[in-house]
Amino acid sequence: MSPTPVYVEYGKVPARPQKDEPEHYHLDIGYAFTTVRGDVGRIQESEVAGAGWYPLEVAERLVGHRIRRAVTAPA
């Protein structure tokens, strides 16, 4: 795992009445890591619809440019 975050994002999240959540701010801190196993592990099903491993080019199309920063940042 990288000793420092590879990205930090902060922004306003709109209210989600279906989850009884008011408008709020959210801080995302991302770290890069490697693994010898392909298992994604346990996910937080209330927040994550699915998880998987993808080639970088596919991952960029799915989640955007920050994924390339995460995997190419110096460790």
PDB file of N, CA and C in Angstrom:
ATOM      1  N   MET A   1       0.841  -1.177   0.000  1.00  0.00           N
ATOM      2  CA  MET A   1       0.000   0.000   0.000  1.00  0.00           C
ATOM      3  C   MET A   1       0.880   1.232   0.000  1.00  0.00           C
ATOM      4  N   SER A   2       0.390   2.292  -0.633  1.00  0.00           N
ATOM      5  CA  SER A   2       1.168   3.529  -0.654  1.00  0.00           C
ATOM      6  C   SER A   2       1.141   4.181   0.728  1.00  0.00           C
ATOM      7  N   PRO A   3       2.245   4.763   1.184  1.00  0.00           N
ATOM      8  CA  PRO A   3       2.280   5.383   2.501  1.00  0.00           C
ATOM      9  C   PRO A   3       1.511   6.703   2.553  1.00  0.00           C
ATOM     10  N   THR A   4       1.285   7.329   1.405  1.00  0.00           N
ATOM     11  CA  THR A   4       0.513   8.568   1.340  1.00  0.00           C
ATOM     12  C   THR A   4      -0.634   8.374   0.349  1.00  0.00           C
ATOM     13  N   PRO A   5      -1.706   9.128   0.512  1.00  0.00           N
ATOM     14  CA  PRO A   5      -2.834   8.979  -0.420  1.00  0.00           C
ATOM     15  C   PRO A   5      -2.427   9.313  -1.854  1.00  0.00           C
ATOM     16  N   VAL A   6      -3.035   8.623  -2.805  1.00  0.00           N
ATOM     17  CA  VAL A   6      -2.795   8.935  -4.213  1.00  0.00           C
ATOM     18  C   VAL A   6      -3.840   9.904  -4.737  1.00  0.00           C
ATOM     19  N   TYR A   7      -4.935  10.057  -4.014  1.00  0.00           N
ATOM     20  CA  TYR A   7      -5.883  11.128  -4.314  1.00  0.00           C
ATOM     21  C   TYR A   7      -6.692  11.468  -3.074  1.00  0.00           C
ATOM     22  N   VAL A   8      -7.098  12.739  -3.025  1.00  0.00           N
ATOM     23  CA  VAL A   8      -7.977  13.228  -1.963  1.00  0.00           C
ATOM     24  C   VAL A   8      -9.035  14.071  -2.661  1.00  0.00           C
ATOM     25  N   GLU A   9     -10.293  13.757  -2.419  1.00  0.00           N
ATOM     26  CA  GLU A   9     -11.389  14.509  -3.027  1.00  0.00           C
ATOM     27  C   GLU A   9     -12.375  14.908  -1.938  1.00  0.00           C
ATOM     28  N   TYR A  10     -12.890  16.125  -2.055  1.00  0.00           N
ATOM     29  CA  TYR A  10     -13.830  16.659  -1.079  1.00  0.00           C
ATOM     30  C   TYR A  10     -14.967  17.325  -1.839  1.00  0.00           C
ATOM     31  N   GLY A  11     -16.180  17.064  -1.466  1.00  0.00           N
ATOM     32  CA  GLY A  11     -17.284  17.703  -2.161  1.00  0.00           C
ATOM     33  C   GLY A  11     -18.612  17.502  -1.466  1.00  0.00           C
ATOM     34  N   LYS A  12     -19.597  18.259  -1.942  1.00  0.00           N
ATOM     35  CA  LYS A  12     -20.945  18.210  -1.382  1.00  0.00           C
ATOM     36  C   LYS A  12     -21.702  17.041  -1.998  1.00  0.00           C
ATOM     37  N   VAL A  13     -22.393  16.295  -1.159  1.00  0.00           N
ATOM     38  CA  VAL A  13     -23.218  15.176  -1.593  1.00  0.00           C
ATOM     39  C   VAL A  13     -24.675  15.601  -1.414  1.00  0.00           C
ATOM     40  N   PRO A  14     -25.489  15.480  -2.473  1.00  0.00           N
ATOM     41  CA  PRO A  14     -26.889  15.877  -2.319  1.00  0.00           C
ATOM     42  C   PRO A  14     -27.627  14.972  -1.335  1.00  0.00           C
ATOM     43  N   ALA A  15     -28.726  15.485  -0.825  1.00  0.00           N
ATOM     44  CA  ALA A  15     -29.562  14.695   0.083  1.00  0.00           C
ATOM     45  C   ALA A  15     -30.056  13.440  -0.630  1.00  0.00           C
ATOM     46  N   ARG A  16     -30.158  12.339   0.127  1.00  0.00           N
ATOM     47  CA  ARG A  16     -30.708  11.088  -0.407  1.00  0.00           C
ATOM     48  C   ARG A  16     -31.841  10.649   0.518  1.00  0.00           C
ATOM     49  N   PRO A  17     -33.059  11.137   0.238  1.00  0.00           N
ATOM     50  CA  PRO A  17     -34.188  10.812   1.114  1.00  0.00           C
ATOM     51  C   PRO A  17     -34.434   9.308   1.254  1.00  0.00           C
ATOM     52  N   GLN A  18     -34.161   8.536   0.203  1.00  0.00           N
ATOM     53  CA  GLN A  18     -34.381   7.088   0.272  1.00  0.00           C
ATOM     54  C   GLN A  18     -33.476   6.424   1.304  1.00  0.00           C
ATOM     55  N   LYS A  19     -32.362   7.073   1.661  1.00  0.00           N
ATOM     56  CA  LYS A  19     -31.453   6.549   2.691  1.00  0.00           C
ATOM     57  C   LYS A  19     -31.528   7.396   3.968  1.00  0.00           C
ATOM     58  N   ASP A  20     -32.483   8.334   3.991  1.00  0.00           N
ATOM     59  CA  ASP A  20     -32.657   9.228   5.130  1.00  0.00           C
ATOM     60  C   ASP A  20     -31.378  10.014   5.430  1.00  0.00           C
ATOM     61  N   GLU A  21     -30.688  10.451   4.359  1.00  0.00           N
ATOM     62  CA  GLU A  21     -29.451  11.215   4.507  1.00  0.00           C
ATOM     63  C   GLU A  21     -29.673  12.655   4.050  1.00  0.00           C
ATOM     64  N   PRO A  22     -29.359  13.635   4.875  1.00  0.00           N
ATOM     65  CA  PRO A  22     -29.442  15.031   4.435  1.00  0.00           C
ATOM     66  C   PRO A  22     -28.251  15.368   3.528  1.00  0.00           C
ATOM     67  N   GLU A  23     -28.301  16.522   2.900  1.00  0.00           N
ATOM     68  CA  GLU A  23     -27.148  17.008   2.151  1.00  0.00           C
ATOM     69  C   GLU A  23     -25.960  17.071   3.108  1.00  0.00           C
ATOM     70  N   HIS A  24     -24.776  16.672   2.629  1.00  0.00           N
ATOM     71  CA  HIS A  24     -23.600  16.666   3.499  1.00  0.00           C
ATOM     72  C   HIS A  24     -22.334  16.722   2.656  1.00  0.00           C
ATOM     73  N   TYR A  25     -21.219  16.877   3.301  1.00  0.00           N
ATOM     74  CA  TYR A  25     -19.920  16.883   2.613  1.00  0.00           C
ATOM     75  C   TYR A  25     -19.262  15.525   2.794  1.00  0.00           C
ATOM     76  N   HIS A  26     -18.481  15.142   1.804  1.00  0.00           N
ATOM     77  CA  HIS A  26     -17.858  13.826   1.807  1.00  0.00           C
ATOM     78  C   HIS A  26     -16.381  13.973   1.470  1.00  0.00           C
ATOM     79  N   LEU A  27     -15.545  13.270   2.195  1.00  0.00           N
ATOM     80  CA  LEU A  27     -14.102  13.273   1.965  1.00  0.00           C
ATOM     81  C   LEU A  27     -13.683  11.873   1.546  1.00  0.00           C
ATOM     82  N   ASP A  28     -13.109  11.756   0.349  1.00  0.00           N
ATOM     83  CA  ASP A  28     -12.577  10.479  -0.143  1.00  0.00           C
ATOM     84  C   ASP A  28     -11.060  10.538  -0.129  1.00  0.00           C
ATOM     85  N   ILE A  29     -10.447   9.543   0.455  1.00  0.00           N
ATOM     86  CA  ILE A  29      -8.988   9.432   0.477  1.00  0.00           C
ATOM     87  C   ILE A  29      -8.660   8.076  -0.117  1.00  0.00           C
ATOM     88  N   GLY A  30      -7.898   8.075  -1.222  1.00  0.00           N
ATOM     89  CA  GLY A  30      -7.590   6.825  -1.907  1.00  0.00           C
ATOM     90  C   GLY A  30      -6.124   6.451  -1.804  1.00  0.00           C
ATOM     91  N   TYR A  31      -5.888   5.175  -1.594  1.00  0.00           N
ATOM     92  CA  TYR A  31      -4.537   4.629  -1.520  1.00  0.00           C
ATOM     93  C   TYR A  31      -4.374   3.583  -2.610  1.00  0.00           C
ATOM     94  N   ALA A  32      -3.178   3.420  -3.113  1.00  0.00           N
ATOM     95  CA  ALA A  32      -2.877   2.375  -4.089  1.00  0.00           C
ATOM     96  C   ALA A  32      -2.280   1.179  -3.362  1.00  0.00           C
ATOM     97  N   PHE A  33      -2.577  -0.005  -3.848  1.00  0.00           N
ATOM     98  CA  PHE A  33      -2.020  -1.212  -3.253  1.00  0.00           C
ATOM     99  C   PHE A  33      -1.960  -2.309  -4.307  1.00  0.00           C
ATOM    100  N   THR A  34      -1.209  -3.313  -4.014  1.00  0.00           N
ATOM    101  CA  THR A  34      -1.144  -4.490  -4.881  1.00  0.00           C
ATOM    102  C   THR A  34      -1.564  -5.704  -4.065  1.00  0.00           C
ATOM    103  N   THR A  35      -1.946  -6.738  -4.767  1.00  0.00           N
ATOM    104  CA  THR A  35      -2.372  -7.960  -4.101  1.00  0.00           C
ATOM    105  C   THR A  35      -1.935  -9.164  -4.927  1.00  0.00           C
ATOM    106  N   VAL A  36      -1.721 -10.271  -4.281  1.00  0.00           N
ATOM    107  CA  VAL A  36      -1.363 -11.494  -4.995  1.00  0.00           C
ATOM    108  C   VAL A  36      -2.599 -12.324  -5.296  1.00  0.00           C
ATOM    109  N   ARG A  37      -3.722 -11.969  -4.631  1.00  0.00           N
ATOM    110  CA  ARG A  37      -4.986 -12.669  -4.881  1.00  0.00           C
ATOM    111  C   ARG A  37      -5.936 -11.746  -5.626  1.00  0.00           C
ATOM    112  N   GLY A  38      -6.797 -12.296  -6.433  1.00  0.00           N
ATOM    113  CA  GLY A  38      -7.752 -11.498  -7.181  1.00  0.00           C
ATOM    114  C   GLY A  38      -9.067 -11.277  -6.473  1.00  0.00           C
ATOM    115  N   ASP A  39      -9.230 -11.786  -5.266  1.00  0.00           N
ATOM    116  CA  ASP A  39     -10.473 -11.639  -4.529  1.00  0.00           C
ATOM    117  C   ASP A  39     -10.640 -10.185  -4.085  1.00  0.00           C
ATOM    118  N   VAL A  40     -11.809  -9.588  -4.346  1.00  0.00           N
ATOM    119  CA  VAL A  40     -12.030  -8.202  -3.928  1.00  0.00           C
ATOM    120  C   VAL A  40     -12.402  -8.094  -2.458  1.00  0.00           C
ATOM    121  N   GLY A  41     -12.696  -9.206  -1.821  1.00  0.00           N
ATOM    122  CA  GLY A  41     -13.028  -9.182  -0.401  1.00  0.00           C
ATOM    123  C   GLY A  41     -14.468  -8.798  -0.151  1.00  0.00           C
ATOM    124  N   ARG A  42     -14.762  -8.514   1.098  1.00  0.00           N
ATOM    125  CA  ARG A  42     -16.121  -8.149   1.507  1.00  0.00           C
ATOM    126  C   ARG A  42     -16.407  -6.697   1.150  1.00  0.00           C
ATOM    127  N   ILE A  43     -17.573  -6.436   0.576  1.00  0.00           N
ATOM    128  CA  ILE A  43     -17.926  -5.066   0.222  1.00  0.00           C
ATOM    129  C   ILE A  43     -19.054  -4.566   1.121  1.00  0.00           C
ATOM    130  N   GLN A  44     -19.160  -3.260   1.235  1.00  0.00           N
ATOM    131  CA  GLN A  44     -20.234  -2.638   1.996  1.00  0.00           C
ATOM    132  C   GLN A  44     -21.430  -2.516   1.050  1.00  0.00           C
ATOM    133  N   GLU A  45     -22.321  -3.497   1.097  1.00  0.00           N
ATOM    134  CA  GLU A  45     -23.397  -3.599   0.113  1.00  0.00           C
ATOM    135  C   GLU A  45     -24.333  -2.399   0.097  1.00  0.00           C
ATOM    136  N   SER A  46     -24.452  -1.664   1.201  1.00  0.00           N
ATOM    137  CA  SER A  46     -25.313  -0.479   1.201  1.00  0.00           C
ATOM    138  C   SER A  46     -24.712   0.665   0.396  1.00  0.00           C
ATOM    139  N   GLU A  47     -23.402   0.621   0.133  1.00  0.00           N
ATOM    140  CA  GLU A  47     -22.712   1.691  -0.587  1.00  0.00           C
ATOM    141  C   GLU A  47     -22.132   1.243  -1.926  1.00  0.00           C
ATOM    142  N   VAL A  48     -21.923  -0.061  -2.105  1.00  0.00           N
ATOM    143  CA  VAL A  48     -21.245  -0.572  -3.298  1.00  0.00           C
ATOM    144  C   VAL A  48     -22.158  -1.558  -4.009  1.00  0.00           C
ATOM    145  N   ALA A  49     -22.436  -1.293  -5.282  1.00  0.00           N
ATOM    146  CA  ALA A  49     -23.310  -2.176  -6.049  1.00  0.00           C
ATOM    147  C   ALA A  49     -22.572  -3.419  -6.535  1.00  0.00           C
ATOM    148  N   GLY A  50     -21.253  -3.346  -6.637  1.00  0.00           N
ATOM    149  CA  GLY A  50     -20.452  -4.478  -7.090  1.00  0.00           C
ATOM    150  C   GLY A  50     -18.991  -4.094  -7.103  1.00  0.00           C
ATOM    151  N   ALA A  51     -18.148  -5.069  -7.176  1.00  0.00           N
ATOM    152  CA  ALA A  51     -16.707  -4.816  -7.193  1.00  0.00           C
ATOM    153  C   ALA A  51     -16.041  -5.875  -8.053  1.00  0.00           C
ATOM    154  N   GLY A  52     -14.937  -5.516  -8.677  1.00  0.00           N
ATOM    155  CA  GLY A  52     -14.216  -6.469  -9.499  1.00  0.00           C
ATOM    156  C   GLY A  52     -12.888  -5.898  -9.952  1.00  0.00           C
ATOM    157  N   TRP A  53     -12.057  -6.753 -10.510  1.00  0.00           N
ATOM    158  CA  TRP A  53     -10.764  -6.348 -11.060  1.00  0.00           C
ATOM    159  C   TRP A  53     -10.932  -6.188 -12.566  1.00  0.00           C
ATOM    160  N   TYR A  54     -10.374  -5.107 -13.124  1.00  0.00           N
ATOM    161  CA  TYR A  54     -10.487  -4.813 -14.547  1.00  0.00           C
ATOM    162  C   TYR A  54      -9.147  -4.356 -15.086  1.00  0.00           C
ATOM    163  N   PRO A  55      -8.900  -4.550 -16.392  1.00  0.00           N
ATOM    164  CA  PRO A  55      -7.721  -3.920 -16.999  1.00  0.00           C
ATOM    165  C   PRO A  55      -7.851  -2.400 -16.830  1.00  0.00           C
ATOM    166  N   LEU A  56      -6.729  -1.713 -16.725  1.00  0.00           N
ATOM    167  CA  LEU A  56      -6.728  -0.279 -16.454  1.00  0.00           C
ATOM    168  C   LEU A  56      -7.598   0.499 -17.438  1.00  0.00           C
ATOM    169  N   GLU A  57      -7.530   0.182 -18.717  1.00  0.00           N
ATOM    170  CA  GLU A  57      -8.298   0.918 -19.717  1.00  0.00           C
ATOM    171  C   GLU A  57      -9.798   0.776 -19.480  1.00  0.00           C
ATOM    172  N   VAL A  58     -10.246  -0.401 -19.073  1.00  0.00           N
ATOM    173  CA  VAL A  58     -11.663  -0.622 -18.769  1.00  0.00           C
ATOM    174  C   VAL A  58     -12.036   0.116 -17.484  1.00  0.00           C
ATOM    175  N   ALA A  59     -11.184   0.038 -16.479  1.00  0.00           N
ATOM    176  CA  ALA A  59     -11.452   0.714 -15.204  1.00  0.00           C
ATOM    177  C   ALA A  59     -11.588   2.220 -15.406  1.00  0.00           C
ATOM    178  N   GLU A  60     -10.751   2.795 -16.260  1.00  0.00           N
ATOM    179  CA  GLU A  60     -10.847   4.237 -16.535  1.00  0.00           C
ATOM    180  C   GLU A  60     -12.193   4.594 -17.146  1.00  0.00           C
ATOM    181  N   ARG A  61     -12.697   3.761 -18.039  1.00  0.00           N
ATOM    182  CA  ARG A  61     -14.008   4.025 -18.635  1.00  0.00           C
ATOM    183  C   ARG A  61     -15.113   3.912 -17.582  1.00  0.00           C
ATOM    184  N   LEU A  62     -14.961   3.008 -16.641  1.00  0.00           N
ATOM    185  CA  LEU A  62     -15.990   2.785 -15.628  1.00  0.00           C
ATOM    186  C   LEU A  62     -15.985   3.834 -14.519  1.00  0.00           C
ATOM    187  N   VAL A  63     -14.804   4.214 -14.039  1.00  0.00           N
ATOM    188  CA  VAL A  63     -14.742   5.090 -12.865  1.00  0.00           C
ATOM    189  C   VAL A  63     -14.013   6.408 -13.088  1.00  0.00           C
ATOM    190  N   GLY A  64     -13.408   6.602 -14.236  1.00  0.00           N
ATOM    191  CA  GLY A  64     -12.779   7.880 -14.522  1.00  0.00           C
ATOM    192  C   GLY A  64     -11.269   7.887 -14.357  1.00  0.00           C
ATOM    193  N   HIS A  65     -10.689   9.065 -14.601  1.00  0.00           N
ATOM    194  CA  HIS A  65      -9.237   9.225 -14.675  1.00  0.00           C
ATOM    195  C   HIS A  65      -8.507   9.017 -13.358  1.00  0.00           C
ATOM    196  N   ARG A  66      -9.167   9.185 -12.220  1.00  0.00           N
ATOM    197  CA  ARG A  66      -8.425   9.088 -10.957  1.00  0.00           C
ATOM    198  C   ARG A  66      -7.851   7.685 -10.734  1.00  0.00           C
ATOM    199  N   ILE A  67      -8.423   6.677 -11.376  1.00  0.00           N
ATOM    200  CA  ILE A  67      -7.890   5.311 -11.214  1.00  0.00           C
ATOM    201  C   ILE A  67      -6.471   5.221 -11.785  1.00  0.00           C
ATOM    202  N   ARG A  68      -6.193   5.906 -12.890  1.00  0.00           N
ATOM    203  CA  ARG A  68      -4.827   5.871 -13.457  1.00  0.00           C
ATOM    204  C   ARG A  68      -3.860   6.532 -12.486  1.00  0.00           C
ATOM    205  N   ARG A  69      -4.248   7.650 -11.870  1.00  0.00           N
ATOM    206  CA  ARG A  69      -3.377   8.295 -10.867  1.00  0.00           C
ATOM    207  C   ARG A  69      -3.094   7.329  -9.724  1.00  0.00           C
ATOM    208  N   ALA A  70      -4.099   6.588  -9.327  1.00  0.00           N
ATOM    209  CA  ALA A  70      -3.933   5.675  -8.194  1.00  0.00           C
ATOM    210  C   ALA A  70      -2.938   4.573  -8.490  1.00  0.00           C
ATOM    211  N   VAL A  71      -2.944   4.042  -9.704  1.00  0.00           N
ATOM    212  CA  VAL A  71      -2.048   2.919  -9.995  1.00  0.00           C
ATOM    213  C   VAL A  71      -0.692   3.345 -10.529  1.00  0.00           C
ATOM    214  N   THR A  72      -0.539   4.605 -10.916  1.00  0.00           N
ATOM    215  CA  THR A  72       0.756   5.055 -11.430  1.00  0.00           C
ATOM    216  C   THR A  72       1.498   5.962 -10.464  1.00  0.00           C
ATOM    217  N   ALA A  73       0.875   6.317  -9.344  1.00  0.00           N
ATOM    218  CA  ALA A  73       1.538   7.171  -8.357  1.00  0.00           C
ATOM    219  C   ALA A  73       2.714   6.446  -7.734  1.00  0.00           C
ATOM    220  N   PRO A  74       3.798   7.159  -7.450  1.00  0.00           N
ATOM    221  CA  PRO A  74       4.927   6.506  -6.780  1.00  0.00           C
ATOM    222  C   PRO A  74       4.510   5.975  -5.413  1.00  0.00           C
ATOM    223  N   ALA A  75       5.031   4.834  -5.073  1.00  0.00           N
ATOM    224  CA  ALA A  75       4.708   4.227  -3.757  1.00  0.00           C
ATOM    225  C   ALA A  75       5.505   4.881  -2.662  1.00  0.00           C
TER     226      ALA A  75
END
